[in-house]
């Protein structure tokens, strides 16, 4: 019958979607940390739904797209690695020990202390 799926394929697809949800949640959190903007994650979700999910349907002999989760996982893993690389590159450096609570840096010059704002 059209649209039927084997039980093993159904279980695999369910496990795949649970893993996929975790990867996408972490990726969107990293995107927010890098940009400070929720719209970037929403744009990523739109791109994922448009390209990896809706444009790449394949019909098998049973009529169901049993390998859809594999294509989506590959696309999300590639995207996740890219976002992780960007996050690692943009990660904040360790705190400067001269950093003051008010956002300024204390600079010592010859016995006088000067406070310069961080730009």
N, C-alpha and C. Protein backbone atom coordinates (compact mmCIF):
# COMPACT_ATOMS: atom_id res chain seq x y z
N UNK A 1 0.85 -1.18 0.00
CA UNK A 1 0.00 0.00 0.00
C UNK A 1 0.89 1.24 0.00
N UNK A 2 0.46 2.27 -0.62
CA UNK A 2 1.22 3.51 -0.75
C UNK A 2 1.41 4.18 0.60
N UNK A 3 2.68 4.51 0.93
CA UNK A 3 2.98 5.22 2.16
C UNK A 3 3.29 4.33 3.34
N UNK A 4 3.26 3.01 3.17
CA UNK A 4 3.58 2.12 4.27
C UNK A 4 5.09 2.07 4.50
N UNK A 5 5.46 1.76 5.73
CA UNK A 5 6.88 1.72 6.09
C UNK A 5 7.12 0.49 6.95
N UNK A 6 8.28 -0.09 6.79
CA UNK A 6 8.65 -1.22 7.64
C UNK A 6 8.82 -0.75 9.08
N UNK A 7 8.58 -1.66 10.03
CA UNK A 7 8.67 -1.30 11.44
C UNK A 7 10.09 -0.85 11.80
N UNK A 8 11.10 -1.55 11.29
CA UNK A 8 12.49 -1.18 11.58
C UNK A 8 12.81 0.21 11.05
N UNK A 9 12.30 0.54 9.87
CA UNK A 9 12.52 1.87 9.30
C UNK A 9 11.84 2.93 10.16
N UNK A 10 10.66 2.61 10.68
CA UNK A 10 9.93 3.55 11.53
C UNK A 10 10.70 3.81 12.82
N UNK A 11 11.24 2.76 13.43
CA UNK A 11 12.02 2.92 14.67
C UNK A 11 13.27 3.73 14.40
N UNK A 12 13.97 3.41 13.31
CA UNK A 12 15.17 4.15 12.93
C UNK A 12 14.86 5.63 12.71
N UNK A 13 13.75 5.89 12.04
CA UNK A 13 13.37 7.27 11.78
C UNK A 13 13.04 8.00 13.09
N UNK A 14 12.38 7.34 14.02
CA UNK A 14 12.05 7.96 15.30
C UNK A 14 13.30 8.29 16.11
N UNK A 15 14.24 7.36 16.16
CA UNK A 15 15.51 7.61 16.88
C UNK A 15 16.28 8.72 16.20
N UNK A 16 16.30 8.69 14.88
CA UNK A 16 16.99 9.73 14.12
C UNK A 16 16.42 11.11 14.40
N UNK A 17 15.11 11.23 14.48
CA UNK A 17 14.49 12.53 14.76
C UNK A 17 14.78 13.01 16.18
N UNK A 18 14.91 12.10 17.13
CA UNK A 18 15.27 12.51 18.50
C UNK A 18 16.71 13.05 18.54
N UNK A 19 17.62 12.35 17.87
CA UNK A 19 19.01 12.83 17.80
C UNK A 19 19.07 14.15 17.05
N UNK A 20 18.34 14.24 15.96
CA UNK A 20 18.29 15.45 15.15
C UNK A 20 17.79 16.65 15.97
N UNK A 21 16.78 16.44 16.78
CA UNK A 21 16.25 17.53 17.62
C UNK A 21 17.32 18.05 18.58
N UNK A 22 18.09 17.15 19.17
CA UNK A 22 19.17 17.57 20.06
C UNK A 22 20.25 18.36 19.33
N UNK A 23 20.67 17.86 18.17
CA UNK A 23 21.70 18.56 17.38
C UNK A 23 21.22 19.94 16.98
N UNK A 24 19.99 20.04 16.52
CA UNK A 24 19.47 21.34 16.07
C UNK A 24 19.33 22.30 17.25
N UNK A 25 18.92 21.82 18.40
CA UNK A 25 18.81 22.68 19.58
C UNK A 25 20.16 23.24 20.00
N UNK A 26 21.17 22.38 20.01
CA UNK A 26 22.52 22.84 20.35
C UNK A 26 23.02 23.84 19.32
N UNK A 27 22.78 23.53 18.04
CA UNK A 27 23.23 24.42 16.97
C UNK A 27 22.56 25.80 17.08
N UNK A 28 21.28 25.82 17.35
CA UNK A 28 20.59 27.11 17.47
C UNK A 28 21.06 27.88 18.69
N UNK A 29 21.39 27.17 19.77
CA UNK A 29 21.96 27.83 20.94
C UNK A 29 23.31 28.45 20.62
N UNK A 30 24.14 27.73 19.87
CA UNK A 30 25.44 28.28 19.47
C UNK A 30 25.27 29.47 18.55
N UNK A 31 24.31 29.40 17.63
CA UNK A 31 24.06 30.54 16.74
C UNK A 31 23.64 31.77 17.54
N UNK A 32 22.83 31.56 18.56
CA UNK A 32 22.43 32.69 19.41
C UNK A 32 23.63 33.24 20.18
N UNK A 33 24.48 32.36 20.69
CA UNK A 33 25.66 32.83 21.44
C UNK A 33 26.61 33.62 20.55
N UNK A 34 26.75 33.20 19.29
CA UNK A 34 27.66 33.89 18.37
C UNK A 34 27.10 35.23 17.94
N UNK A 35 25.80 35.27 17.62
CA UNK A 35 25.22 36.49 17.04
C UNK A 35 24.43 37.33 18.04
N UNK A 36 23.93 36.72 19.12
CA UNK A 36 23.06 37.44 20.04
C UNK A 36 21.69 37.71 19.45
N UNK A 37 21.31 36.96 18.42
CA UNK A 37 20.08 37.23 17.69
C UNK A 37 19.36 35.91 17.43
N UNK A 38 18.07 35.85 17.74
CA UNK A 38 17.29 34.65 17.50
C UNK A 38 16.95 34.44 16.02
N UNK A 39 16.96 35.50 15.24
CA UNK A 39 16.59 35.41 13.83
C UNK A 39 17.53 34.52 13.02
N UNK A 40 18.78 34.42 13.42
CA UNK A 40 19.73 33.57 12.70
C UNK A 40 19.33 32.11 12.81
N UNK A 41 18.93 31.68 14.00
CA UNK A 41 18.45 30.31 14.18
C UNK A 41 17.17 30.06 13.41
N UNK A 42 16.28 31.05 13.38
CA UNK A 42 15.05 30.90 12.60
C UNK A 42 15.36 30.80 11.12
N UNK A 43 16.34 31.58 10.66
CA UNK A 43 16.76 31.49 9.25
C UNK A 43 17.35 30.12 8.94
N UNK A 44 18.13 29.58 9.85
CA UNK A 44 18.69 28.25 9.67
C UNK A 44 17.57 27.21 9.60
N UNK A 45 16.57 27.35 10.44
CA UNK A 45 15.44 26.42 10.45
C UNK A 45 14.68 26.51 9.12
N UNK A 46 14.46 27.72 8.63
CA UNK A 46 13.78 27.90 7.34
C UNK A 46 14.58 27.25 6.22
N UNK A 47 15.90 27.47 6.22
CA UNK A 47 16.75 26.87 5.20
C UNK A 47 16.70 25.34 5.29
N UNK A 48 16.77 24.80 6.49
CA UNK A 48 16.72 23.35 6.68
C UNK A 48 15.40 22.79 6.16
N UNK A 49 14.29 23.42 6.52
CA UNK A 49 13.00 22.90 6.08
C UNK A 49 12.83 23.00 4.58
N UNK A 50 13.35 24.08 4.00
CA UNK A 50 13.19 24.27 2.56
C UNK A 50 14.05 23.30 1.76
N UNK A 51 15.32 23.23 2.07
CA UNK A 51 16.25 22.44 1.26
C UNK A 51 16.30 20.98 1.67
N UNK A 52 16.69 20.72 2.91
CA UNK A 52 16.95 19.34 3.32
C UNK A 52 15.68 18.52 3.49
N UNK A 53 14.56 19.15 3.80
CA UNK A 53 13.35 18.39 4.09
C UNK A 53 12.36 18.39 2.92
N UNK A 54 12.01 19.56 2.43
CA UNK A 54 10.91 19.64 1.47
C UNK A 54 11.32 19.49 0.01
N UNK A 55 12.53 19.85 -0.35
CA UNK A 55 12.93 19.80 -1.75
C UNK A 55 13.54 18.46 -2.15
N UNK A 56 13.89 17.61 -1.20
CA UNK A 56 14.61 16.39 -1.51
C UNK A 56 13.81 15.14 -1.16
N UNK A 57 12.60 15.03 -1.64
CA UNK A 57 11.80 13.83 -1.38
C UNK A 57 12.10 12.77 -2.44
N UNK A 58 12.26 11.55 -1.98
CA UNK A 58 12.50 10.42 -2.86
C UNK A 58 11.45 9.37 -2.55
N UNK A 59 10.84 8.83 -3.58
CA UNK A 59 9.83 7.80 -3.37
C UNK A 59 10.46 6.43 -3.59
N UNK A 60 10.30 5.55 -2.62
CA UNK A 60 10.85 4.19 -2.71
C UNK A 60 9.78 3.24 -3.25
N UNK A 61 10.11 1.98 -3.32
CA UNK A 61 9.16 0.98 -3.81
C UNK A 61 7.92 0.90 -2.94
N UNK A 62 8.08 1.19 -1.62
CA UNK A 62 6.92 1.13 -0.72
C UNK A 62 6.13 2.43 -0.75
N UNK A 63 6.64 3.45 -1.38
CA UNK A 63 5.94 4.73 -1.47
C UNK A 63 6.34 5.70 -0.39
N UNK A 64 7.06 5.23 0.62
CA UNK A 64 7.48 6.10 1.72
C UNK A 64 8.92 6.55 1.50
N UNK A 65 9.23 7.71 1.98
CA UNK A 65 10.59 8.25 1.87
C UNK A 65 11.38 7.77 3.09
N UNK A 66 11.84 6.53 3.05
CA UNK A 66 12.47 5.90 4.21
C UNK A 66 13.86 6.46 4.53
N UNK A 67 14.51 7.06 3.57
CA UNK A 67 15.85 7.60 3.79
C UNK A 67 15.86 9.11 4.03
N UNK A 68 14.70 9.70 4.20
CA UNK A 68 14.63 11.14 4.43
C UNK A 68 15.43 11.54 5.67
N UNK A 69 15.34 10.79 6.73
CA UNK A 69 16.05 11.13 7.96
C UNK A 69 17.55 11.09 7.74
N UNK A 70 18.04 10.21 6.87
CA UNK A 70 19.47 10.13 6.60
C UNK A 70 19.93 11.41 5.91
N UNK A 71 19.19 11.87 4.91
CA UNK A 71 19.55 13.11 4.22
C UNK A 71 19.50 14.31 5.16
N UNK A 72 18.49 14.36 6.00
CA UNK A 72 18.36 15.47 6.94
C UNK A 72 19.49 15.45 7.95
N UNK A 73 19.84 14.26 8.45
CA UNK A 73 20.94 14.14 9.43
C UNK A 73 22.26 14.58 8.81
N UNK A 74 22.53 14.18 7.57
CA UNK A 74 23.77 14.58 6.91
C UNK A 74 23.82 16.09 6.75
N UNK A 75 22.72 16.70 6.30
CA UNK A 75 22.68 18.15 6.13
C UNK A 75 22.88 18.86 7.48
N UNK A 76 22.25 18.36 8.54
CA UNK A 76 22.36 18.99 9.84
C UNK A 76 23.75 18.80 10.44
N UNK A 77 24.37 17.66 10.23
CA UNK A 77 25.72 17.44 10.74
C UNK A 77 26.73 18.36 10.05
N UNK A 78 26.58 18.53 8.74
CA UNK A 78 27.47 19.46 8.02
C UNK A 78 27.26 20.87 8.55
N UNK A 79 26.01 21.27 8.71
CA UNK A 79 25.69 22.60 9.22
C UNK A 79 26.20 22.77 10.65
N UNK A 80 26.05 21.73 11.48
CA UNK A 80 26.49 21.79 12.87
C UNK A 80 28.00 21.97 12.96
N UNK A 81 28.74 21.24 12.15
CA UNK A 81 30.21 21.36 12.14
C UNK A 81 30.62 22.77 11.74
N UNK A 82 29.94 23.34 10.75
CA UNK A 82 30.24 24.70 10.33
C UNK A 82 29.96 25.70 11.46
N UNK A 83 28.80 25.59 12.09
CA UNK A 83 28.44 26.50 13.19
C UNK A 83 29.40 26.33 14.37
N UNK A 84 29.78 25.10 14.67
CA UNK A 84 30.71 24.84 15.76
C UNK A 84 32.08 25.47 15.47
N UNK A 85 32.51 25.41 14.22
CA UNK A 85 33.79 26.04 13.84
C UNK A 85 33.71 27.55 14.00
N UNK A 86 32.61 28.16 13.58
CA UNK A 86 32.43 29.60 13.72
C UNK A 86 32.38 29.98 15.20
N UNK A 87 31.66 29.18 16.00
CA UNK A 87 31.57 29.45 17.43
C UNK A 87 32.94 29.36 18.09
N UNK A 88 33.70 28.33 17.75
CA UNK A 88 35.02 28.16 18.34
C UNK A 88 35.95 29.31 17.97
N UNK A 89 35.83 29.78 16.75
CA UNK A 89 36.67 30.90 16.30
C UNK A 89 36.30 32.19 17.01
N UNK A 90 35.02 32.42 17.23
CA UNK A 90 34.54 33.67 17.83
C UNK A 90 34.41 33.62 19.34
N UNK A 91 34.76 32.50 19.94
CA UNK A 91 34.62 32.35 21.39
C UNK A 91 35.45 33.41 22.10
N UNK A 92 34.89 33.95 23.16
CA UNK A 92 35.57 35.01 23.90
C UNK A 92 36.88 34.51 24.49
N UNK A 93 37.86 35.38 24.48
CA UNK A 93 39.15 35.07 25.07
C UNK A 93 39.03 35.09 26.59
N UNK A 94 39.97 34.47 27.31
CA UNK A 94 39.91 34.50 28.77
C UNK A 94 39.89 35.94 29.27
N UNK A 95 39.25 36.13 30.40
CA UNK A 95 39.11 37.47 30.96
C UNK A 95 40.46 38.10 31.26
N UNK A 96 40.57 39.37 30.97
CA UNK A 96 41.77 40.13 31.27
C UNK A 96 41.78 40.41 32.78
N UNK A 97 42.87 40.09 33.48
CA UNK A 97 42.89 40.30 34.93
C UNK A 97 42.79 41.78 35.30
N UNK A 98 43.05 42.67 34.35
CA UNK A 98 42.97 44.11 34.63
C UNK A 98 41.55 44.64 34.46
N UNK A 99 40.62 43.81 33.98
CA UNK A 99 39.26 44.25 33.72
C UNK A 99 38.54 44.60 35.01
N UNK A 100 37.98 45.78 35.05
CA UNK A 100 37.24 46.26 36.22
C UNK A 100 35.76 45.89 36.08
N UNK A 101 35.03 45.94 37.16
CA UNK A 101 33.61 45.59 37.14
C UNK A 101 32.79 46.53 36.27
N UNK A 102 33.22 47.78 36.13
CA UNK A 102 32.44 48.75 35.35
C UNK A 102 32.79 48.71 33.86
N UNK A 103 33.55 47.71 33.40
CA UNK A 103 33.86 47.57 31.99
C UNK A 103 35.07 48.34 31.53
N UNK A 104 35.90 48.76 32.44
CA UNK A 104 37.12 49.48 32.07
C UNK A 104 38.33 48.62 32.40
N UNK A 105 39.47 48.97 31.80
CA UNK A 105 40.72 48.26 32.06
C UNK A 105 41.66 49.19 32.80
N UNK A 106 42.23 48.69 33.87
CA UNK A 106 43.19 49.45 34.66
C UNK A 106 44.57 49.29 34.04
N UNK A 107 45.19 50.42 33.67
CA UNK A 107 46.52 50.40 33.06
C UNK A 107 47.47 51.15 33.98
N UNK A 108 48.58 50.50 34.36
CA UNK A 108 49.57 51.13 35.22
C UNK A 108 50.66 51.76 34.34
N UNK A 109 50.94 53.03 34.58
CA UNK A 109 52.01 53.72 33.84
C UNK A 109 52.85 54.49 34.84
N UNK A 110 54.00 53.97 35.16
CA UNK A 110 54.98 54.66 36.00
C UNK A 110 54.50 55.02 37.39
N UNK A 111 53.65 54.41 38.02
CA UNK A 111 53.24 54.77 39.37
C UNK A 111 51.84 55.38 39.40
N UNK A 112 51.37 55.93 38.29
CA UNK A 112 50.00 56.45 38.21
C UNK A 112 49.10 55.38 37.61
N UNK A 113 47.88 55.34 38.07
CA UNK A 113 46.92 54.38 37.52
C UNK A 113 45.94 55.15 36.65
N UNK A 114 45.81 54.71 35.43
CA UNK A 114 44.87 55.32 34.49
C UNK A 114 43.82 54.28 34.16
N UNK A 115 42.59 54.72 34.08
CA UNK A 115 41.49 53.84 33.73
C UNK A 115 41.03 54.21 32.33
N UNK A 116 41.10 53.25 31.43
CA UNK A 116 40.67 53.47 30.04
C UNK A 116 39.44 52.62 29.77
N UNK A 117 38.42 53.20 29.15
CA UNK A 117 37.23 52.40 28.82
C UNK A 117 37.55 51.41 27.70
N UNK A 118 36.88 50.28 27.74
CA UNK A 118 37.03 49.29 26.68
C UNK A 118 36.17 49.75 25.51
N UNK A 119 36.75 49.75 24.38
CA UNK A 119 35.99 50.18 23.17
C UNK A 119 35.33 49.00 22.52
